[in-house]
Amino acid sequence: MQKRYLFALYSFIFILLLSGCGQEHHESKDLAQRKENIVEKSVQLENGETPEEDKVAPSDLSGLKAHFIDVGQGDSTLFQFSEGGEDFTILIDAGNWTGDEVIKYLRSQKVSQIDIAVGTHPDADHIGQLDQVINSFNVGEVWLSGNTNPSQTFQRLLKAIDEKKVDYYEPRMGEQFDVGPLHIDVLYPKTISEQDNEESISLKLTYGDVRFILTGDATTDDELKMLQSGIDAKADILKLGHHGSSTSTHPSFLRAVNPAVAIYSAGLNNTYGHPHEEVVNLVQNSNIRLYGTDVHGTVIVETDGKDYTILTKKDGTITPSSSGKATHDEVKVEPAPIAGNCIDINKASIEQLQEIMHIGPARAQDLINLRPFSSVDDLGRIKGIGPARIADIKSQGLACVGG
């Protein structure tokens, strides 16, 4: 009798297991399920192991488009691809807070949902429209570095994540993820210490045999740390760090990546000289094709996982003489009015001033009380703003005097 009871119990459990397995073949393709699949694969792949059944041969892939969007003096890249009739979308950075180019572009590309929205670091020219993206589209996950910023732009982003109940994640060096047929390696950061640019989320995205690397505003020192970690840095397309600034693109890093194509995002005639002349020279002297949104408009890479094609909105030629040259003090910000590219510190509101690095509510009020300022360097009159923070503010490129 006891044996028959146990047999019946085991049979019941076995039937339940079979029922569960059968259901897996009819899994939902809504965003919640897609998020679950991403998380599951991230756990499986944390040790660097890619299950054979998850590997996709390039010949089996449909097309991927990588859009390096022209957002002026800011940054935004859109990846679109599909598998088995299911569409996937990844957005890396979302332009400057002063515009709405990202929202318009996403709508022009018929984007309805975004699987992962990445803010590489909390500068206003990278996360500027990310709150609008979250409020306008069905976003599955938001990835941020974990570094914070007192700016209203960053606070709006946190509010949007909270109100829309979007999943939040902080990726770290060595982690790996599969999003459909796209494989993602996290190159940086390993840890964070409130160094926004230096600790930008840096990613390698592999689609079949075609590889992309994007590093936000990571510096040359951070690029070297990526190499020291032992990563395979080889890639076909490199997004130049920090808008083509000389603070990024170390010669050793460029040699290790050995890209055929380099792309940077910068505003036409921007006030701080991006891309810098020495970076343009370095790239072009390395026989790497160079594209920039200031010259070519939006740049699109189309690939089937084997070959790729570069499409540009405009024709143009990038020459070292047409780009800026860096100095030891980064690049001097020339006078400019409040516009898409900068904030006039002599006219901006207390809310606008808080978009500037190191300027929180208290310092914004001090700044208003101490007006006028003759230059960005003159911000040193504000308590707590020393030479190092002046250099950070100049590097951000958001503050200016004039108008």
Protein backbone atom coordinates (compact mmCIF):
# COMPACT_ATOMS: atom_id res chain seq x y z
CA MET A 1 0.00 0.00 0.00
CA GLN A 2 2.78 2.39 0.94
CA LYS A 3 4.64 1.60 -2.27
CA ARG A 4 1.51 2.31 -4.35
CA TYR A 5 1.12 5.64 -2.52
CA LEU A 6 4.71 6.63 -3.21
CA PHE A 7 4.38 5.57 -6.84
CA ALA A 8 1.26 7.70 -7.24
CA LEU A 9 2.98 10.66 -5.58
CA TYR A 10 6.05 10.40 -7.81
CA SER A 11 3.83 10.06 -10.88
CA PHE A 12 1.95 13.24 -9.91
CA ILE A 13 5.19 15.18 -9.45
CA PHE A 14 6.50 13.87 -12.77
CA ILE A 15 3.33 15.02 -14.58
CA LEU A 16 3.65 18.46 -13.01
CA LEU A 17 7.24 18.73 -14.22
CA LEU A 18 6.22 17.69 -17.71
CA SER A 19 3.47 20.31 -17.70
CA GLY A 20 5.93 22.99 -16.68
CA CYS A 21 8.36 22.01 -19.44
CA GLY A 22 5.59 22.07 -22.00
CA GLN A 23 4.67 25.61 -21.01
CA GLU A 24 8.19 26.87 -21.64
CA HIS A 25 7.69 26.36 -25.38
CA HIS A 26 4.81 28.85 -25.30
CA GLU A 27 6.58 31.59 -23.34
CA SER A 28 5.19 35.10 -23.57
CA LYS A 29 7.06 37.56 -25.75
CA ASP A 30 5.98 40.59 -23.78
CA LEU A 31 8.57 42.90 -22.23
CA ALA A 32 8.42 41.27 -18.80
CA GLN A 33 9.37 37.89 -20.26
CA ARG A 34 12.09 39.47 -22.39
CA LYS A 35 13.57 41.08 -19.26
CA GLU A 36 13.47 37.72 -17.49
CA ASN A 37 15.35 36.10 -20.36
CA ILE A 38 18.05 38.78 -20.21
CA VAL A 39 18.50 38.35 -16.46
CA GLU A 40 18.63 34.56 -16.72
CA LYS A 41 21.32 34.70 -19.35
CA SER A 42 23.34 37.21 -17.37
CA VAL A 43 23.49 34.75 -14.49
CA GLN A 44 24.49 31.91 -16.78
CA LEU A 45 27.20 33.95 -18.44
CA GLU A 46 28.82 35.66 -15.47
CA ASN A 47 31.66 33.11 -15.54
CA GLY A 48 32.33 33.83 -19.19
CA GLU A 49 30.68 30.62 -20.42
CA THR A 50 28.44 30.74 -23.47
CA PRO A 51 26.25 27.64 -23.78
CA GLU A 52 26.58 26.07 -27.22
CA GLU A 53 22.82 26.15 -27.76
CA ASP A 54 22.80 29.93 -27.23
CA LYS A 55 25.46 30.70 -29.82
CA VAL A 56 24.06 32.07 -33.10
CA ALA A 57 25.90 31.47 -36.33
CA PRO A 58 26.31 34.68 -38.37
CA SER A 59 24.53 33.06 -41.33
CA ASP A 60 21.41 32.63 -39.16
CA LEU A 61 21.16 36.30 -38.20
CA SER A 62 18.81 38.89 -39.58
CA GLY A 63 19.98 42.48 -39.92
CA LEU A 64 21.14 44.82 -37.15
CA LYS A 65 21.19 48.60 -37.39
CA ALA A 66 23.37 50.74 -35.12
CA HIS A 67 22.31 54.39 -35.30
CA PHE A 68 24.87 56.93 -34.06
CA ILE A 69 22.33 59.70 -33.74
CA ASP A 70 23.15 63.33 -34.46
CA VAL A 71 22.14 65.02 -31.21
CA GLY A 72 24.47 68.00 -31.46
CA GLN A 73 26.93 68.27 -28.59
CA GLY A 74 25.78 65.13 -26.85
CA ASP A 75 25.68 61.38 -27.30
CA SER A 76 23.08 58.77 -28.25
CA THR A 77 23.31 55.39 -30.00
CA LEU A 78 20.42 53.11 -30.95
CA PHE A 79 20.74 49.38 -31.69
CA GLN A 80 17.85 47.63 -33.47
CA PHE A 81 17.76 43.94 -34.37
CA SER A 82 15.43 40.96 -34.35
CA GLU A 83 15.28 37.20 -33.89
CA GLY A 84 12.45 34.87 -34.90
CA GLY A 85 10.13 37.77 -35.64
CA GLU A 86 10.79 39.40 -32.26
CA ASP A 87 12.27 42.91 -32.30
CA PHE A 88 14.90 44.13 -29.84
CA THR A 89 15.99 47.69 -29.09
CA ILE A 90 18.88 49.00 -26.98
CA LEU A 91 19.50 52.72 -26.43
CA ILE A 92 22.88 53.89 -25.14
CA ASP A 93 22.72 57.50 -23.86
CA ALA A 94 20.04 59.99 -24.79
CA GLY A 95 21.47 63.35 -25.82
CA ASN A 96 21.44 66.71 -24.08
CA TRP A 97 18.71 67.96 -21.76
CA THR A 98 18.22 71.05 -23.94
CA GLY A 99 16.78 69.11 -26.91
CA ASP A 100 14.28 66.46 -27.97
CA GLU A 101 16.18 64.92 -30.88
CA VAL A 102 16.28 61.45 -29.34
CA ILE A 103 12.51 61.19 -28.86
CA LYS A 104 11.90 62.39 -32.41
CA TYR A 105 14.43 59.98 -33.85
CA LEU A 106 13.07 56.98 -31.95
CA ARG A 107 9.60 57.75 -33.24
CA SER A 108 10.91 58.14 -36.79
CA GLN A 109 12.35 54.63 -36.49
CA LYS A 110 8.99 53.24 -35.33
CA VAL A 111 10.39 52.29 -31.91
CA SER A 112 7.62 51.17 -29.57
CA GLN A 113 9.59 49.60 -26.73
CA ILE A 114 13.17 49.61 -25.49
CA ASP A 115 14.64 46.52 -23.88
CA ILE A 116 17.60 48.30 -22.23
CA ALA A 117 18.25 52.04 -21.90
CA VAL A 118 21.81 52.77 -20.81
CA GLY A 119 23.04 56.03 -19.30
CA THR A 120 26.82 55.64 -19.48
CA HIS A 121 27.34 58.34 -16.84
CA PRO A 122 25.21 61.09 -15.27
CA ASP A 123 26.39 64.07 -17.36
CA ALA A 124 23.53 66.09 -18.82
CA ASP A 125 24.73 65.64 -22.43
CA HIS A 126 24.42 61.84 -22.10
CA ILE A 127 21.32 61.31 -19.94
CA GLY A 128 19.63 64.56 -20.92
CA GLN A 129 16.51 63.09 -22.56
CA LEU A 130 16.50 59.71 -20.81
CA ASP A 131 13.63 60.71 -18.52
CA GLN A 132 11.60 61.66 -21.63
CA VAL A 133 12.45 58.28 -23.15
CA ILE A 134 11.20 56.43 -20.06
CA ASN A 135 8.03 58.52 -19.97
CA SER A 136 7.37 58.10 -23.71
CA PHE A 137 8.25 54.44 -24.38
CA ASN A 138 7.86 51.05 -22.72
CA VAL A 139 11.36 50.61 -21.23
CA GLY A 140 12.32 47.24 -19.76
CA GLU A 141 15.54 48.06 -17.90
CA VAL A 142 17.68 51.09 -17.20
CA TRP A 143 21.42 50.63 -16.70
CA LEU A 144 23.36 53.37 -14.89
CA SER A 145 26.89 53.37 -13.50
CA GLY A 146 25.76 54.09 -9.95
CA ASN A 147 27.48 57.47 -9.82
CA THR A 148 25.18 60.36 -8.92
CA ASN A 149 24.77 64.00 -9.82
CA PRO A 150 22.91 66.85 -8.08
CA SER A 151 21.61 68.19 -11.41
CA GLN A 152 17.90 68.47 -12.11
CA THR A 153 18.44 66.29 -15.18
CA PHE A 154 19.65 63.40 -13.05
CA GLN A 155 16.90 63.91 -10.49
CA ARG A 156 14.27 63.84 -13.26
CA LEU A 157 15.75 60.58 -14.50
CA LEU A 158 15.53 58.97 -11.06
CA LYS A 159 11.95 60.18 -10.70
CA ALA A 160 10.99 58.70 -14.07
CA ILE A 161 12.57 55.32 -13.17
CA ASP A 162 10.68 55.29 -9.89
CA GLU A 163 7.31 56.43 -11.24
CA LYS A 164 7.36 54.05 -14.20
CA LYS A 165 8.68 51.22 -12.00
CA VAL A 166 11.42 50.41 -14.51
CA ASP A 167 13.95 47.75 -13.52
CA TYR A 168 17.30 49.27 -12.56
CA TYR A 169 20.76 47.71 -12.87
CA GLU A 170 24.41 48.74 -12.41
CA PRO A 171 26.61 46.63 -14.73
CA ARG A 172 30.19 45.84 -13.74
CA MET A 173 33.37 44.79 -15.51
CA GLY A 174 33.37 41.14 -16.53
CA GLU A 175 29.61 40.66 -16.68
CA GLN A 176 28.13 39.25 -19.86
CA PHE A 177 24.60 39.34 -21.24
CA ASP A 178 22.73 38.00 -24.24
CA VAL A 179 19.85 40.06 -25.59
CA GLY A 180 18.39 37.91 -28.31
CA PRO A 181 21.26 37.30 -30.75
CA LEU A 182 23.36 40.21 -29.43
CA HIS A 183 26.12 39.44 -26.92
CA ILE A 184 27.20 42.20 -24.50
CA ASP A 185 30.47 42.30 -22.52
CA VAL A 186 30.79 44.93 -19.79
CA LEU A 187 34.29 46.41 -20.04
CA TYR A 188 33.99 49.06 -17.32
CA PRO A 189 33.65 50.15 -14.52
CA LYS A 190 34.79 47.62 -11.94
CA THR A 191 33.91 49.91 -9.02
CA ILE A 192 32.69 53.50 -8.72
CA SER A 193 33.87 56.50 -6.71
CA GLU A 194 31.75 59.42 -8.03
CA GLN A 195 34.10 60.07 -10.95
CA ASP A 196 31.45 60.44 -13.60
CA ASN A 197 33.41 60.51 -16.87
CA GLU A 198 36.16 58.18 -15.73
CA GLU A 199 33.70 55.51 -14.63
CA SER A 200 31.47 55.54 -17.70
CA ILE A 201 29.74 52.28 -18.55
CA SER A 202 31.80 50.82 -21.39
CA LEU A 203 30.43 47.99 -23.50
CA LYS A 204 31.48 45.60 -26.24
CA LEU A 205 28.52 44.43 -28.34
CA THR A 206 28.99 41.43 -30.63
CA TYR A 207 26.56 40.51 -33.40
CA GLY A 208 27.80 37.42 -35.19
CA ASP A 209 31.32 38.34 -36.31
CA VAL A 210 30.82 42.11 -36.10
CA ARG A 211 31.88 43.89 -32.90
CA PHE A 212 31.22 47.38 -31.52
CA ILE A 213 32.89 49.13 -28.56
CA LEU A 214 31.38 52.20 -26.85
CA THR A 215 33.07 53.81 -23.84
CA GLY A 216 31.03 56.91 -22.97
CA ASP A 217 33.42 59.58 -21.70
CA ALA A 218 35.96 57.14 -20.22
CA THR A 219 39.48 58.59 -20.08
CA THR A 220 42.75 57.22 -21.45
CA ASP A 221 43.65 55.94 -17.96
CA ASP A 222 40.41 53.97 -17.85
CA GLU A 223 41.00 52.61 -21.34
CA LEU A 224 44.33 51.25 -20.12
CA LYS A 225 42.62 49.70 -17.09
CA MET A 226 40.24 47.94 -19.47
CA LEU A 227 43.22 46.47 -21.31
CA GLN A 228 44.92 45.48 -18.05
CA SER A 229 41.83 43.45 -17.13
CA GLY A 230 42.70 41.05 -19.93
CA ILE A 231 39.63 41.70 -22.08
CA ASP A 232 39.54 40.93 -25.77
CA ALA A 233 39.35 44.51 -27.00
CA LYS A 234 39.28 43.79 -30.73
CA ALA A 235 36.36 45.41 -32.50
CA ASP A 236 35.33 46.49 -35.97
CA ILE A 237 33.62 49.75 -34.98
CA LEU A 238 34.85 51.99 -32.15
CA LYS A 239 32.80 54.86 -30.75
CA LEU A 240 35.52 57.35 -29.80
CA GLY A 241 35.37 58.32 -26.14
CA HIS A 242 34.34 61.79 -24.93
CA HIS A 243 33.24 63.12 -28.33
CA GLY A 244 36.72 62.71 -29.82
CA SER A 245 38.44 64.59 -26.98
CA SER A 246 42.13 64.00 -26.31
CA THR A 247 41.13 62.92 -22.79
CA SER A 248 40.21 59.60 -24.46
CA THR A 249 41.55 57.31 -27.22
CA HIS A 250 44.93 56.24 -25.86
CA PRO A 251 47.20 55.00 -28.70
CA SER A 252 47.60 51.64 -26.95
CA PHE A 253 43.84 51.28 -26.62
CA LEU A 254 43.32 52.15 -30.28
CA ARG A 255 45.94 49.58 -31.31
CA ALA A 256 44.31 46.91 -29.13
CA VAL A 257 40.84 47.59 -30.54
CA ASN A 258 42.25 47.87 -34.07
CA PRO A 259 38.95 49.05 -35.57
CA ALA A 260 38.27 49.52 -39.26
CA VAL A 261 35.85 52.36 -38.45
CA ALA A 262 35.79 55.02 -35.73
CA ILE A 263 32.77 57.25 -35.03
CA TYR A 264 32.43 60.23 -32.71
CA SER A 265 29.46 62.35 -31.67
CA ALA A 266 29.93 66.12 -31.49
CA GLY A 267 28.09 69.33 -32.29
CA LEU A 268 28.98 71.36 -35.35
CA ASN A 269 31.37 74.19 -34.40
CA ASN A 270 31.07 73.25 -30.72
CA THR A 271 32.74 75.63 -28.29
CA TYR A 272 35.35 73.23 -26.94
CA GLY A 273 36.93 71.91 -30.08
CA HIS A 274 35.71 68.31 -30.35
CA PRO A 275 37.05 66.26 -32.00
CA HIS A 276 40.56 67.26 -31.04
CA GLU A 277 43.18 67.51 -33.74
CA GLU A 278 45.53 64.98 -32.16
CA VAL A 279 42.78 62.36 -31.99
CA VAL A 280 41.81 62.91 -35.63
CA ASN A 281 45.47 62.57 -36.62
CA LEU A 282 45.92 59.43 -34.53
CA VAL A 283 42.86 57.73 -36.02
CA GLN A 284 43.48 58.69 -39.63
CA ASN A 285 47.20 57.91 -39.47
CA SER A 286 46.18 54.44 -38.27
CA ASN A 287 44.26 53.95 -41.55
CA ILE A 288 40.93 53.92 -39.72
CA ARG A 289 37.89 55.39 -41.48
CA LEU A 290 36.56 58.27 -39.39
CA TYR A 291 32.97 59.49 -39.21
CA GLY A 292 31.50 62.25 -37.04
CA THR A 293 27.95 63.42 -36.46
CA ASP A 294 29.06 67.06 -36.76
CA VAL A 295 30.18 66.42 -40.34
CA HIS A 296 28.13 63.43 -41.50
CA GLY A 297 24.93 63.82 -39.45
CA THR A 298 23.47 60.57 -38.15
CA VAL A 299 25.74 57.62 -39.00
CA ILE A 300 24.14 54.17 -39.42
CA VAL A 301 25.97 50.84 -39.45
CA GLU A 302 23.98 48.02 -41.05
CA THR A 303 25.22 44.44 -40.60
CA ASP A 304 24.11 40.85 -41.10
CA GLY A 305 26.71 39.61 -38.62
CA LYS A 306 29.27 39.00 -41.35
CA ASP A 307 29.65 42.20 -43.36
CA TYR A 308 28.60 45.77 -42.62
CA THR A 309 27.76 48.95 -44.51
CA ILE A 310 28.16 52.56 -43.34
CA LEU A 311 25.38 55.00 -44.22
CA THR A 312 25.55 58.73 -43.52
CA LYS A 313 22.94 61.45 -43.72
CA LYS A 314 25.42 63.90 -45.24
CA ASP A 315 28.64 63.70 -47.23
CA GLY A 316 31.69 65.24 -45.66
CA THR A 317 35.40 64.96 -44.98
CA ILE A 318 37.03 65.21 -41.57
CA THR A 319 40.46 66.83 -41.58
CA PRO A 320 42.76 67.63 -38.64
CA SER A 321 42.67 71.32 -39.51
CA SER A 322 38.88 71.38 -39.17
CA SER A 323 38.95 69.93 -35.66
CA GLY A 324 40.02 71.43 -32.36
CA LYS A 325 43.37 71.19 -30.61
CA ALA A 326 43.49 70.41 -26.90
CA THR A 327 45.61 72.30 -24.40
CA HIS A 328 46.81 71.37 -20.92
CA ASP A 329 43.71 73.13 -19.57
CA GLU A 330 41.39 71.14 -21.86
CA VAL A 331 39.67 73.59 -24.22
CA LYS A 332 38.72 77.16 -23.47
CA VAL A 333 34.98 77.72 -23.71
CA GLU A 334 34.32 80.75 -25.89
CA PRO A 335 31.50 83.15 -25.07
CA ALA A 336 28.11 81.86 -26.17
CA PRO A 337 24.48 82.55 -25.27
CA ILE A 338 22.13 80.16 -23.54
CA ALA A 339 21.40 77.74 -26.36
CA GLY A 340 21.59 74.09 -27.24
CA ASN A 341 25.31 73.90 -26.56
CA CYS A 342 25.93 75.76 -23.31
CA ILE A 343 24.54 77.51 -20.24
CA ASP A 344 25.37 81.22 -19.83
CA ILE A 345 26.32 81.41 -16.15
CA ASN A 346 25.49 85.12 -16.06
CA LYS A 347 21.87 84.61 -17.21
CA ALA A 348 20.80 81.05 -16.42
CA SER A 349 18.14 80.24 -13.85
CA ILE A 350 18.96 78.44 -10.62
CA GLU A 351 17.53 75.23 -12.13
CA GLN A 352 19.61 75.54 -15.31
CA LEU A 353 22.79 76.23 -13.35
CA GLN A 354 22.41 72.92 -11.54
CA GLU A 355 22.99 71.09 -14.82
CA ILE A 356 26.63 72.20 -14.55
CA MET A 357 28.97 69.74 -12.87
CA HIS A 358 29.69 70.48 -9.17
CA ILE A 359 26.91 73.10 -9.04
CA GLY A 360 24.18 72.02 -6.63
CA PRO A 361 21.36 74.17 -5.24
CA ALA A 362 23.54 76.02 -2.69
CA ARG A 363 26.34 76.77 -5.13
CA ALA A 364 23.83 77.80 -7.79
CA GLN A 365 22.48 80.41 -5.39
CA ASP A 366 26.04 81.54 -4.53
CA LEU A 367 26.76 81.82 -8.24
CA ILE A 368 23.71 84.03 -8.78
CA ASN A 369 24.72 86.21 -5.81
CA LEU A 370 28.27 86.64 -7.22
CA ARG A 371 27.30 87.54 -10.78
CA PRO A 372 28.61 88.72 -13.17
CA PHE A 373 31.52 86.43 -14.09
CA SER A 374 34.08 87.34 -16.71
CA SER A 375 34.90 83.74 -17.64
CA VAL A 376 34.30 80.13 -16.59
CA ASP A 377 37.60 80.30 -14.67
CA ASP A 378 36.04 83.09 -12.61
CA LEU A 379 33.76 80.48 -10.99
CA GLY A 380 36.69 79.95 -8.63
CA ARG A 381 35.17 82.80 -6.60
CA ILE A 382 32.49 80.35 -5.43
CA LYS A 383 33.30 78.58 -2.18
CA GLY A 384 34.26 74.98 -2.83
CA ILE A 385 35.09 75.48 -6.51
CA GLY A 386 38.85 75.11 -6.94
CA PRO A 387 41.12 74.53 -9.97
CA ALA A 388 40.29 70.80 -10.20
CA ARG A 389 36.56 71.44 -10.28
CA ILE A 390 37.02 74.28 -12.77
CA ALA A 391 38.82 71.76 -15.00
CA ASP A 392 35.91 69.31 -14.59
CA ILE A 393 33.40 72.04 -15.48
CA LYS A 394 35.38 72.95 -18.60
CA SER A 395 35.66 69.31 -19.57
CA GLN A 396 31.89 68.92 -19.29
CA GLY A 397 31.59 71.79 -21.76
CA LEU A 398 28.21 73.00 -20.52
CA ALA A 399 29.10 76.33 -18.84
CA CYS A 400 29.87 79.46 -20.80
CA VAL A 401 29.85 83.26 -20.50
CA GLY A 402 28.22 85.55 -23.02
CA GLY A 403 24.99 86.10 -24.84
